[in-house]
Amino acid sequence: MEEKHVTQTDVCVALGINRGAMSSYLSGRYMPKNETVARMAKYLEVSPGWLWGVIDTKESITNFAVSLHERLLVEAYRNKPEMQKAIDILLGINA
C-alpha cells in the first residue's frame, strides 16, 4: 500500500471492507475470501498470488492477456496438484 501511496482506510473505503477485518487480514489473524483478495489485487494493481504470498512478483494482473477470473483459475489449478488430473479429464485435456 505504501508504494501506491494509499492507506488501509483508503483500501477499506474503496472496496467496502471493514477496517477491523482489514487489520485482521494484515496481521494474519483471519484469511480473506478469494473474492476479497481478487478485489484488493485489482485495486492495488498486484497479483492475487503475491497478496497470498505464494509468488514473489507483484506483477500487475492488468499486464496479463487473460481475465482476472482466468488468472485465478490458473493459480487455483497450480495450487491443487491433487486435483489437476481430474480437471484435465473434465476439460478433455491430454497433457
Protein backbone atom coordinates (compact mmCIF):
# COMPACT_ATOMS: atom_id res chain seq x y z
CA MET A 1 0.00 0.00 0.00
CA GLU A 2 2.91 2.30 0.69
CA GLU A 3 4.13 2.08 -2.92
CA LYS A 4 0.66 3.07 -4.16
CA HIS A 5 0.50 5.86 -1.57
CA VAL A 6 -2.80 4.58 -0.18
CA THR A 7 -3.71 3.85 3.40
CA GLN A 8 -5.55 0.89 4.86
CA THR A 9 -8.53 3.22 5.22
CA ASP A 10 -8.35 4.13 1.51
CA VAL A 11 -8.45 0.44 0.55
CA CYS A 12 -11.27 -0.28 3.01
CA VAL A 13 -13.40 2.58 1.69
CA ALA A 14 -12.73 1.73 -1.97
CA LEU A 15 -13.57 -1.94 -1.51
CA GLY A 16 -16.22 -1.69 1.21
CA ILE A 17 -14.14 -3.65 3.72
CA ASN A 18 -14.48 -3.15 7.47
CA ARG A 19 -11.30 -1.63 8.98
CA GLY A 20 -11.25 -4.30 11.69
CA ALA A 21 -11.39 -7.03 9.05
CA MET A 22 -8.53 -5.41 7.11
CA SER A 23 -6.44 -5.24 10.27
CA SER A 24 -7.15 -8.94 10.90
CA TYR A 25 -6.13 -9.83 7.33
CA LEU A 26 -2.87 -7.90 7.58
CA SER A 27 -1.99 -9.40 10.96
CA GLY A 28 -2.71 -12.92 9.70
CA ARG A 29 -5.44 -13.47 12.26
CA TYR A 30 -8.03 -14.12 9.56
CA MET A 31 -7.74 -15.02 5.88
CA PRO A 32 -9.81 -13.02 3.41
CA LYS A 33 -12.05 -14.76 0.88
CA ASN A 34 -10.67 -15.28 -2.62
CA GLU A 35 -13.09 -12.66 -3.95
CA THR A 36 -11.77 -10.11 -1.46
CA VAL A 37 -8.16 -10.88 -2.40
CA ALA A 38 -9.02 -10.54 -6.09
CA ARG A 39 -10.62 -7.14 -5.49
CA MET A 40 -7.66 -5.98 -3.38
CA ALA A 41 -5.22 -7.16 -6.05
CA LYS A 42 -7.09 -5.31 -8.76
CA TYR A 43 -7.28 -2.14 -6.69
CA LEU A 44 -3.58 -2.28 -5.74
CA GLU A 45 -2.56 -3.47 -9.24
CA VAL A 46 -0.69 -6.52 -7.95
CA SER A 47 -1.20 -10.22 -8.48
CA PRO A 48 -3.52 -12.12 -6.12
CA GLY A 49 -0.77 -14.71 -5.73
CA TRP A 50 1.56 -12.05 -4.37
CA LEU A 51 -1.05 -10.97 -1.83
CA TRP A 52 -1.47 -14.60 -0.76
CA GLY A 53 2.32 -14.90 -0.51
CA VAL A 54 2.56 -17.79 -2.99
CA ILE A 55 4.55 -15.92 -5.65
CA ASP A 56 7.41 -13.45 -5.30
CA THR A 57 6.48 -10.97 -8.01
CA LYS A 58 3.94 -8.20 -7.56
CA GLU A 59 3.37 -8.08 -11.33
CA SER A 60 0.12 -6.34 -12.02
CA ILE A 61 -2.79 -8.51 -13.06
CA THR A 62 -3.53 -5.89 -15.70
CA ASN A 63 -0.34 -6.94 -17.53
CA PHE A 64 -1.81 -10.34 -18.41
CA ALA A 65 -3.71 -11.10 -21.59
CA VAL A 66 -6.23 -13.12 -19.58
CA SER A 67 -9.11 -12.02 -17.41
CA LEU A 68 -8.90 -11.90 -13.63
CA HIS A 69 -11.17 -14.94 -13.46
CA GLU A 70 -8.85 -16.88 -15.78
CA ARG A 71 -5.82 -15.85 -13.73
CA LEU A 72 -7.46 -17.02 -10.51
CA LEU A 73 -8.36 -20.33 -12.15
CA VAL A 74 -4.76 -20.91 -13.23
CA GLU A 75 -3.48 -20.08 -9.75
CA ALA A 76 -6.03 -22.40 -8.15
CA TYR A 77 -5.09 -25.17 -10.59
CA ARG A 78 -1.41 -24.78 -9.80
CA ASN A 79 -2.06 -24.82 -6.06
CA LYS A 80 -4.09 -28.06 -6.18
CA PRO A 81 -1.86 -30.67 -7.88
CA GLU A 82 -4.03 -33.47 -6.46
CA MET A 83 -6.97 -32.12 -8.49
CA GLN A 84 -5.15 -31.44 -11.76
CA LYS A 85 -5.69 -34.87 -13.34
CA ALA A 86 -9.43 -34.77 -12.59
CA ILE A 87 -9.68 -31.24 -14.03
CA ASP A 88 -7.74 -32.30 -17.14
CA ILE A 89 -10.13 -35.21 -17.67
CA LEU A 90 -13.17 -32.98 -17.14
CA LEU A 91 -11.87 -30.48 -19.71
CA GLY A 92 -10.68 -33.13 -22.14
CA ILE A 93 -7.04 -32.10 -21.84
CA ASN A 94 -4.49 -34.80 -22.68
CA ALA A 95 -1.30 -33.20 -21.42
